Structure formats: C-alpha cells, structure tokens
C-alpha cells in the first residue's frame, strides 16, 4: 500500500466544505492504495499514517471531524456485506 503523495489542495468550485473534500480525497486514496484488500493490521497502520497526513493537509478540520473522517474511511474500506437470500 502506498502512502498519499503531498499535493497542493485545489478548491472545489462546487462549494464543497473542507470535510467533504477530505472525505472524497480519503475515499480516492483508499481505492487507489488497495486498502480494502489489505489485512486489518496493515489497514490500521495505513489509517494512522494517512490521518496524520490529512490533519496537516486539512488544518481547518477539528478533532471530532478527523475522528468522523477516519470512521467513514474504515467503513468504506470494509468488504461489502453479503445479502441474505429471502
């Protein structure tokens, strides 16, 4: 799994909030870095490193928003639940 590359953030012209931009960027990183297919230990380490990066990249997000962002990312990285047949 690769670490996110440092890039300048480009403001979204659609008027997205910093939280929405961070969420979308996190989901993109999860997909491109193969986090969903990794084992739990690697996922945990990846999220620790990535959330430090996001805290620097999005200083306008408070601790609660960063916690929510991680929670959303961890859910996004989980495999889909199997549907129960009726």
PDB file of N, CA and C in Angstrom:
ATOM      1  N   UNK A   1       0.845  -1.170   0.000  1.00  0.00           N
ATOM      2  CA  UNK A   1       0.000   0.000   0.000  1.00  0.00           C
ATOM      3  C   UNK A   1       0.889   1.231   0.000  1.00  0.00           C
ATOM      4  N   UNK A   2       0.590   2.140  -0.872  1.00  0.00           N
ATOM      5  CA  UNK A   2       1.352   3.364  -0.955  1.00  0.00           C
ATOM      6  C   UNK A   2       0.791   4.424  -0.031  1.00  0.00           C
ATOM      7  N   UNK A   3       1.640   5.368   0.290  1.00  0.00           N
ATOM      8  CA  UNK A   3       1.197   6.496   1.099  1.00  0.00           C
ATOM      9  C   UNK A   3       0.747   7.604   0.169  1.00  0.00           C
ATOM     10  N   UNK A   4      -0.183   8.418   0.604  1.00  0.00           N
ATOM     11  CA  UNK A   4      -0.640   9.518  -0.233  1.00  0.00           C
ATOM     12  C   UNK A   4       0.507  10.471  -0.541  1.00  0.00           C
ATOM     13  N   UNK A   5       0.525  10.978  -1.750  1.00  0.00           N
ATOM     14  CA  UNK A   5       1.536  11.944  -2.142  1.00  0.00           C
ATOM     15  C   UNK A   5       1.087  13.329  -1.717  1.00  0.00           C
ATOM     16  N   UNK A   6       2.061  14.144  -1.340  1.00  0.00           N
ATOM     17  CA  UNK A   6       1.749  15.507  -0.925  1.00  0.00           C
ATOM     18  C   UNK A   6       1.492  16.354  -2.166  1.00  0.00           C
ATOM     19  N   UNK A   7       0.319  16.923  -2.242  1.00  0.00           N
ATOM     20  CA  UNK A   7      -0.063  17.796  -3.345  1.00  0.00           C
ATOM     21  C   UNK A   7      -0.739  19.022  -2.763  1.00  0.00           C
ATOM     22  N   UNK A   8      -0.687  20.097  -3.516  1.00  0.00           N
ATOM     23  CA  UNK A   8      -1.451  21.275  -3.101  1.00  0.00           C
ATOM     24  C   UNK A   8      -2.919  20.992  -3.310  1.00  0.00           C
ATOM     25  N   UNK A   9      -3.711  21.396  -2.387  1.00  0.00           N
ATOM     26  CA  UNK A   9      -5.151  21.186  -2.474  1.00  0.00           C
ATOM     27  C   UNK A   9      -5.756  22.231  -3.391  1.00  0.00           C
ATOM     28  N   UNK A  10      -6.595  21.792  -4.289  1.00  0.00           N
ATOM     29  CA  UNK A  10      -7.294  22.696  -5.184  1.00  0.00           C
ATOM     30  C   UNK A  10      -8.716  22.836  -4.674  1.00  0.00           C
ATOM     31  N   UNK A  11      -9.159  24.059  -4.507  1.00  0.00           N
ATOM     32  CA  UNK A  11     -10.503  24.296  -4.006  1.00  0.00           C
ATOM     33  C   UNK A  11     -11.534  23.842  -5.028  1.00  0.00           C
ATOM     34  N   UNK A  12     -12.547  23.204  -4.563  1.00  0.00           N
ATOM     35  CA  UNK A  12     -13.612  22.706  -5.421  1.00  0.00           C
ATOM     36  C   UNK A  12     -14.570  23.843  -5.737  1.00  0.00           C
ATOM     37  N   UNK A  13     -14.826  24.046  -7.011  1.00  0.00           N
ATOM     38  CA  UNK A  13     -15.695  25.151  -7.407  1.00  0.00           C
ATOM     39  C   UNK A  13     -17.158  24.886  -7.068  1.00  0.00           C
ATOM     40  N   UNK A  14     -17.509  23.657  -6.732  1.00  0.00           N
ATOM     41  CA  UNK A  14     -18.888  23.321  -6.405  1.00  0.00           C
ATOM     42  C   UNK A  14     -19.258  23.785  -4.988  1.00  0.00           C
ATOM     43  N   UNK A  15     -18.298  24.332  -4.256  1.00  0.00           N
ATOM     44  CA  UNK A  15     -18.593  24.843  -2.925  1.00  0.00           C
ATOM     45  C   UNK A  15     -18.592  23.779  -1.848  1.00  0.00           C
ATOM     46  N   UNK A  16     -17.844  22.707  -2.037  1.00  0.00           N
ATOM     47  CA  UNK A  16     -17.764  21.653  -1.029  1.00  0.00           C
ATOM     48  C   UNK A  16     -17.070  22.181   0.217  1.00  0.00           C
ATOM     49  N   UNK A  17     -17.480  21.652   1.357  1.00  0.00           N
ATOM     50  CA  UNK A  17     -16.823  22.018   2.606  1.00  0.00           C
ATOM     51  C   UNK A  17     -15.472  21.300   2.684  1.00  0.00           C
ATOM     52  N   UNK A  18     -14.563  21.784   3.529  1.00  0.00           N
ATOM     53  CA  UNK A  18     -13.289  21.088   3.697  1.00  0.00           C
ATOM     54  C   UNK A  18     -13.481  19.628   4.113  1.00  0.00           C
ATOM     55  N   UNK A  19     -14.500  19.360   4.950  1.00  0.00           N
ATOM     56  CA  UNK A  19     -14.756  17.985   5.368  1.00  0.00           C
ATOM     57  C   UNK A  19     -15.142  17.116   4.170  1.00  0.00           C
ATOM     58  N   UNK A  20     -16.002  17.629   3.312  1.00  0.00           N
ATOM     59  CA  UNK A  20     -16.425  16.864   2.127  1.00  0.00           C
ATOM     60  C   UNK A  20     -15.256  16.623   1.181  1.00  0.00           C
ATOM     61  N   UNK A  21     -14.412  17.625   1.013  1.00  0.00           N
ATOM     62  CA  UNK A  21     -13.229  17.462   0.174  1.00  0.00           C
ATOM     63  C   UNK A  21     -12.299  16.402   0.759  1.00  0.00           C
ATOM     64  N   UNK A  22     -12.086  16.455   2.076  1.00  0.00           N
ATOM     65  CA  UNK A  22     -11.220  15.481   2.742  1.00  0.00           C
ATOM     66  C   UNK A  22     -11.807  14.078   2.630  1.00  0.00           C
ATOM     67  N   UNK A  23     -13.108  13.952   2.823  1.00  0.00           N
ATOM     68  CA  UNK A  23     -13.768  12.642   2.716  1.00  0.00           C
ATOM     69  C   UNK A  23     -13.596  12.071   1.315  1.00  0.00           C
ATOM     70  N   UNK A  24     -13.854  12.878   0.306  1.00  0.00           N
ATOM     71  CA  UNK A  24     -13.732  12.404  -1.067  1.00  0.00           C
ATOM     72  C   UNK A  24     -12.295  12.012  -1.395  1.00  0.00           C
ATOM     73  N   UNK A  25     -11.353  12.810  -0.925  1.00  0.00           N
ATOM     74  CA  UNK A  25      -9.943  12.503  -1.158  1.00  0.00           C
ATOM     75  C   UNK A  25      -9.544  11.212  -0.438  1.00  0.00           C
ATOM     76  N   UNK A  26     -10.022  11.033   0.786  1.00  0.00           N
ATOM     77  CA  UNK A  26      -9.716   9.815   1.539  1.00  0.00           C
ATOM     78  C   UNK A  26     -10.259   8.589   0.821  1.00  0.00           C
ATOM     79  N   UNK A  27     -11.496   8.660   0.348  1.00  0.00           N
ATOM     80  CA  UNK A  27     -12.075   7.526  -0.375  1.00  0.00           C
ATOM     81  C   UNK A  27     -11.258   7.205  -1.624  1.00  0.00           C
ATOM     82  N   UNK A  28     -10.792   8.235  -2.319  1.00  0.00           N
ATOM     83  CA  UNK A  28      -9.970   8.025  -3.511  1.00  0.00           C
ATOM     84  C   UNK A  28      -8.658   7.334  -3.139  1.00  0.00           C
ATOM     85  N   UNK A  29      -8.033   7.773  -2.049  1.00  0.00           N
ATOM     86  CA  UNK A  29      -6.790   7.136  -1.595  1.00  0.00           C
ATOM     87  C   UNK A  29      -7.031   5.677  -1.220  1.00  0.00           C
ATOM     88  N   UNK A  30      -8.133   5.395  -0.564  1.00  0.00           N
ATOM     89  CA  UNK A  30      -8.452   4.023  -0.171  1.00  0.00           C
ATOM     90  C   UNK A  30      -8.551   3.141  -1.408  1.00  0.00           C
ATOM     91  N   UNK A  31      -9.210   3.644  -2.450  1.00  0.00           N
ATOM     92  CA  UNK A  31      -9.371   2.857  -3.669  1.00  0.00           C
ATOM     93  C   UNK A  31      -8.041   2.669  -4.410  1.00  0.00           C
ATOM     94  N   UNK A  32      -7.244   3.721  -4.508  1.00  0.00           N
ATOM     95  CA  UNK A  32      -6.004   3.618  -5.282  1.00  0.00           C
ATOM     96  C   UNK A  32      -4.883   2.905  -4.540  1.00  0.00           C
ATOM     97  N   UNK A  33      -4.926   2.903  -3.210  1.00  0.00           N
ATOM     98  CA  UNK A  33      -3.854   2.275  -2.426  1.00  0.00           C
ATOM     99  C   UNK A  33      -4.137   0.817  -2.069  1.00  0.00           C
ATOM    100  N   UNK A  34      -5.289   0.301  -2.426  1.00  0.00           N
ATOM    101  CA  UNK A  34      -5.605  -1.098  -2.148  1.00  0.00           C
ATOM    102  C   UNK A  34      -5.859  -1.387  -0.682  1.00  0.00           C
ATOM    103  N   UNK A  35      -6.359  -0.434   0.043  1.00  0.00           N
ATOM    104  CA  UNK A  35      -6.595  -0.602   1.481  1.00  0.00           C
ATOM    105  C   UNK A  35      -7.679  -1.640   1.750  1.00  0.00           C
ATOM    106  N   UNK A  36      -8.708  -1.672   0.915  1.00  0.00           N
ATOM    107  CA  UNK A  36      -9.834  -2.583   1.143  1.00  0.00           C
ATOM    108  C   UNK A  36      -9.398  -4.043   1.115  1.00  0.00           C
ATOM    109  N   UNK A  37      -8.391  -4.392   0.344  1.00  0.00           N
ATOM    110  CA  UNK A  37      -7.948  -5.778   0.257  1.00  0.00           C
ATOM    111  C   UNK A  37      -6.866  -6.152   1.251  1.00  0.00           C
ATOM    112  N   UNK A  38      -6.415  -5.203   2.054  1.00  0.00           N
ATOM    113  CA  UNK A  38      -5.318  -5.445   2.991  1.00  0.00           C
ATOM    114  C   UNK A  38      -5.832  -6.063   4.289  1.00  0.00           C
ATOM    115  N   UNK A  39      -4.913  -6.705   5.026  1.00  0.00           N
ATOM    116  CA  UNK A  39      -5.340  -7.273   6.317  1.00  0.00           C
ATOM    117  C   UNK A  39      -5.508  -6.155   7.350  1.00  0.00           C
ATOM    118  N   UNK A  40      -6.160  -6.469   8.442  1.00  0.00           N
ATOM    119  CA  UNK A  40      -6.543  -5.478   9.459  1.00  0.00           C
ATOM    120  C   UNK A  40      -5.345  -4.694  10.004  1.00  0.00           C
ATOM    121  N   UNK A  41      -4.211  -5.389  10.256  1.00  0.00           N
ATOM    122  CA  UNK A  41      -3.040  -4.697  10.805  1.00  0.00           C
ATOM    123  C   UNK A  41      -2.514  -3.647   9.840  1.00  0.00           C
ATOM    124  N   UNK A  42      -2.451  -4.003   8.561  1.00  0.00           N
ATOM    125  CA  UNK A  42      -1.980  -3.052   7.561  1.00  0.00           C
ATOM    126  C   UNK A  42      -2.963  -1.897   7.396  1.00  0.00           C
ATOM    127  N   UNK A  43      -4.254  -2.200   7.441  1.00  0.00           N
ATOM    128  CA  UNK A  43      -5.254  -1.139   7.354  1.00  0.00           C
ATOM    129  C   UNK A  43      -5.102  -0.160   8.515  1.00  0.00           C
ATOM    130  N   UNK A  44      -4.946  -0.690   9.718  1.00  0.00           N
ATOM    131  CA  UNK A  44      -4.820   0.165  10.902  1.00  0.00           C
ATOM    132  C   UNK A  44      -3.597   1.076  10.768  1.00  0.00           C
ATOM    133  N   UNK A  45      -2.469   0.510  10.359  1.00  0.00           N
ATOM    134  CA  UNK A  45      -1.245   1.291  10.183  1.00  0.00           C
ATOM    135  C   UNK A  45      -1.430   2.343   9.084  1.00  0.00           C
ATOM    136  N   UNK A  46      -2.073   1.949   7.979  1.00  0.00           N
ATOM    137  CA  UNK A  46      -2.313   2.876   6.874  1.00  0.00           C
ATOM    138  C   UNK A  46      -3.189   4.042   7.338  1.00  0.00           C
ATOM    139  N   UNK A  47      -4.251   3.743   8.074  1.00  0.00           N
ATOM    140  CA  UNK A  47      -5.132   4.811   8.561  1.00  0.00           C
ATOM    141  C   UNK A  47      -4.407   5.719   9.553  1.00  0.00           C
ATOM    142  N   UNK A  48      -3.565   5.166  10.420  1.00  0.00           N
ATOM    143  CA  UNK A  48      -2.802   6.007  11.349  1.00  0.00           C
ATOM    144  C   UNK A  48      -1.958   7.019  10.576  1.00  0.00           C
ATOM    145  N   UNK A  49      -1.188   6.517   9.596  1.00  0.00           N
ATOM    146  CA  UNK A  49      -0.318   7.392   8.803  1.00  0.00           C
ATOM    147  C   UNK A  49      -1.119   8.386   7.973  1.00  0.00           C
ATOM    148  N   UNK A  50      -2.179   7.913   7.359  1.00  0.00           N
ATOM    149  CA  UNK A  50      -2.967   8.761   6.470  1.00  0.00           C
ATOM    150  C   UNK A  50      -3.701   9.847   7.235  1.00  0.00           C
ATOM    151  N   UNK A  51      -4.195   9.543   8.418  1.00  0.00           N
ATOM    152  CA  UNK A  51      -4.904  10.559   9.188  1.00  0.00           C
ATOM    153  C   UNK A  51      -3.935  11.644   9.690  1.00  0.00           C
ATOM    154  N   UNK A  52      -2.673  11.287   9.955  1.00  0.00           N
ATOM    155  CA  UNK A  52      -1.678  12.305  10.302  1.00  0.00           C
ATOM    156  C   UNK A  52      -1.476  13.242   9.110  1.00  0.00           C
ATOM    157  N   UNK A  53      -1.386  12.646   7.933  1.00  0.00           N
ATOM    158  CA  UNK A  53      -1.237  13.420   6.695  1.00  0.00           C
ATOM    159  C   UNK A  53      -2.442  14.346   6.490  1.00  0.00           C
ATOM    160  N   UNK A  54      -3.648  13.809   6.677  1.00  0.00           N
ATOM    161  CA  UNK A  54      -4.863  14.606   6.481  1.00  0.00           C
ATOM    162  C   UNK A  54      -4.977  15.715   7.527  1.00  0.00           C
ATOM    163  N   UNK A  55      -4.505  15.492   8.731  1.00  0.00           N
ATOM    164  CA  UNK A  55      -4.537  16.533   9.762  1.00  0.00           C
ATOM    165  C   UNK A  55      -3.665  17.722   9.344  1.00  0.00           C
ATOM    166  N   UNK A  56      -2.544  17.439   8.670  1.00  0.00           N
ATOM    167  CA  UNK A  56      -1.688  18.513   8.173  1.00  0.00           C
ATOM    168  C   UNK A  56      -2.285  19.154   6.925  1.00  0.00           C
ATOM    169  N   UNK A  57      -2.883  18.352   6.082  1.00  0.00           N
ATOM    170  CA  UNK A  57      -3.430  18.829   4.812  1.00  0.00           C
ATOM    171  C   UNK A  57      -4.715  19.640   5.004  1.00  0.00           C
ATOM    172  N   UNK A  58      -5.496  19.286   6.017  1.00  0.00           N
ATOM    173  CA  UNK A  58      -6.768  19.957   6.299  1.00  0.00           C
ATOM    174  C   UNK A  58      -6.757  20.488   7.741  1.00  0.00           C
ATOM    175  N   UNK A  59      -5.964  21.531   8.021  1.00  0.00           N
ATOM    176  CA  UNK A  59      -5.877  22.040   9.399  1.00  0.00           C
ATOM    177  C   UNK A  59      -7.189  22.637   9.896  1.00  0.00           C
ATOM    178  N   UNK A  60      -8.114  22.943   8.973  1.00  0.00           N
ATOM    179  CA  UNK A  60      -9.393  23.522   9.372  1.00  0.00           C
ATOM    180  C   UNK A  60     -10.343  22.498   9.989  1.00  0.00           C
ATOM    181  N   UNK A  61     -10.019  21.206   9.870  1.00  0.00           N
ATOM    182  CA  UNK A  61     -10.857  20.166  10.471  1.00  0.00           C
ATOM    183  C   UNK A  61     -10.477  19.991  11.936  1.00  0.00           C
ATOM    184  N   UNK A  62     -11.488  19.936  12.802  1.00  0.00           N
ATOM    185  CA  UNK A  62     -11.212  19.747  14.222  1.00  0.00           C
ATOM    186  C   UNK A  62     -11.079  18.252  14.539  1.00  0.00           C
ATOM    187  N   UNK A  63     -10.793  17.974  15.787  1.00  0.00           N
ATOM    188  CA  UNK A  63     -10.557  16.593  16.214  1.00  0.00           C
ATOM    189  C   UNK A  63     -11.774  15.695  15.969  1.00  0.00           C
ATOM    190  N   UNK A  64     -12.967  16.219  16.231  1.00  0.00           N
ATOM    191  CA  UNK A  64     -14.188  15.441  16.024  1.00  0.00           C
ATOM    192  C   UNK A  64     -14.376  15.114  14.538  1.00  0.00           C
ATOM    193  N   UNK A  65     -14.122  16.080  13.671  1.00  0.00           N
ATOM    194  CA  UNK A  65     -14.259  15.845  12.237  1.00  0.00           C
ATOM    195  C   UNK A  65     -13.223  14.838  11.746  1.00  0.00           C
ATOM    196  N   UNK A  66     -12.013  14.908  12.277  1.00  0.00           N
ATOM    197  CA  UNK A  66     -10.971  13.943  11.889  1.00  0.00           C
ATOM    198  C   UNK A  66     -11.355  12.533  12.338  1.00  0.00           C
ATOM    199  N   UNK A  67     -11.948  12.431  13.515  1.00  0.00           N
ATOM    200  CA  UNK A  67     -12.402  11.139  14.016  1.00  0.00           C
ATOM    201  C   UNK A  67     -13.515  10.579  13.125  1.00  0.00           C
ATOM    202  N   UNK A  68     -14.447  11.439  12.751  1.00  0.00           N
ATOM    203  CA  UNK A  68     -15.545  11.033  11.867  1.00  0.00           C
ATOM    204  C   UNK A  68     -15.015  10.639  10.492  1.00  0.00           C
ATOM    205  N   UNK A  69     -14.027  11.379  10.010  1.00  0.00           N
ATOM    206  CA  UNK A  69     -13.424  11.067   8.713  1.00  0.00           C
ATOM    207  C   UNK A  69     -12.786   9.680   8.739  1.00  0.00           C
ATOM    208  N   UNK A  70     -12.072   9.368   9.804  1.00  0.00           N
ATOM    209  CA  UNK A  70     -11.448   8.047   9.918  1.00  0.00           C
ATOM    210  C   UNK A  70     -12.510   6.955   9.977  1.00  0.00           C
ATOM    211  N   UNK A  71     -13.560   7.195  10.759  1.00  0.00           N
ATOM    212  CA  UNK A  71     -14.636   6.207  10.890  1.00  0.00           C
ATOM    213  C   UNK A  71     -15.271   5.918   9.514  1.00  0.00           C
ATOM    214  N   UNK A  72     -15.539   6.983   8.760  1.00  0.00           N
ATOM    215  CA  UNK A  72     -16.107   6.810   7.423  1.00  0.00           C
ATOM    216  C   UNK A  72     -15.154   6.035   6.514  1.00  0.00           C
ATOM    217  N   UNK A  73     -13.874   6.370   6.597  1.00  0.00           N
ATOM    218  CA  UNK A  73     -12.872   5.683   5.784  1.00  0.00           C
ATOM    219  C   UNK A  73     -12.759   4.207   6.136  1.00  0.00           C
ATOM    220  N   UNK A  74     -12.782   3.894   7.425  1.00  0.00           N
ATOM    221  CA  UNK A  74     -12.691   2.496   7.853  1.00  0.00           C
ATOM    222  C   UNK A  74     -13.915   1.707   7.387  1.00  0.00           C
ATOM    223  N   UNK A  75     -15.080   2.327   7.439  1.00  0.00           N
ATOM    224  CA  UNK A  75     -16.291   1.653   6.924  1.00  0.00           C
ATOM    225  C   UNK A  75     -16.194   1.448   5.421  1.00  0.00           C
ATOM    226  N   UNK A  76     -15.709   2.463   4.716  1.00  0.00           N
ATOM    227  CA  UNK A  76     -15.586   2.405   3.266  1.00  0.00           C
ATOM    228  C   UNK A  76     -14.629   1.290   2.843  1.00  0.00           C
ATOM    229  N   UNK A  77     -13.606   1.033   3.652  1.00  0.00           N
ATOM    230  CA  UNK A  77     -12.597   0.024   3.325  1.00  0.00           C
ATOM    231  C   UNK A  77     -13.048  -1.400   3.628  1.00  0.00           C
ATOM    232  N   UNK A  78     -14.175  -1.561   4.302  1.00  0.00           N
ATOM    233  CA  UNK A  78     -14.661  -2.903   4.636  1.00  0.00           C
ATOM    234  C   UNK A  78     -15.267  -3.571   3.408  1.00  0.00           C
ATOM    235  N   UNK A  79     -15.141  -4.904   3.331  1.00  0.00           N
ATOM    236  CA  UNK A  79     -15.763  -5.603   2.200  1.00  0.00           C
ATOM    237  C   UNK A  79     -17.286  -5.490   2.280  1.00  0.00           C
ATOM    238  N   UNK A  80     -17.952  -5.544   1.137  1.00  0.00           N
ATOM    239  CA  UNK A  80     -19.424  -5.457   1.159  1.00  0.00           C
ATOM    240  C   UNK A  80     -20.027  -6.619   1.935  1.00  0.00           C
ATOM    241  N   UNK A  81     -21.119  -6.339   2.590  1.00  0.00           N
ATOM    242  CA  UNK A  81     -21.826  -7.391   3.332  1.00  0.00           C
ATOM    243  C   UNK A  81     -22.616  -8.244   2.351  1.00  0.00           C
ATOM    244  N   UNK A  82     -22.635  -9.538   2.620  1.00  0.00           N
ATOM    245  CA  UNK A  82     -23.382 -10.457   1.765  1.00  0.00           C
ATOM    246  C   UNK A  82     -24.876 -10.253   1.982  1.00  0.00           C
ATOM    247  N   UNK A  83     -25.619 -10.305   0.913  1.00  0.00           N
ATOM    248  CA  UNK A  83     -27.079 -10.182   1.024  1.00  0.00           C
ATOM    249  C   UNK A  83     -27.664 -11.513   1.465  1.00  0.00           C
ATOM    250  N   UNK A  84     -28.610 -11.439   2.363  1.00  0.00           N
ATOM    251  CA  UNK A  84     -29.295 -12.651   2.816  1.00  0.00           C
ATOM    252  C   UNK A  84     -30.384 -12.983   1.805  1.00  0.00           C
ATOM    253  N   UNK A  85     -30.448 -14.249   1.374  1.00  0.00           N
ATOM    254  CA  UNK A  85     -31.491 -14.610   0.410  1.00  0.00           C
ATOM    255  C   UNK A  85     -32.826 -14.744   1.128  1.00  0.00           C
ATOM    256  N   UNK A  86     -33.852 -14.306   0.445  1.00  0.00           N
ATOM    257  CA  UNK A  86     -35.194 -14.282   1.045  1.00  0.00           C
ATOM    258  C   UNK A  86     -35.921 -15.575   0.908  1.00  0.00           C
TER     259      UNK A  86
END
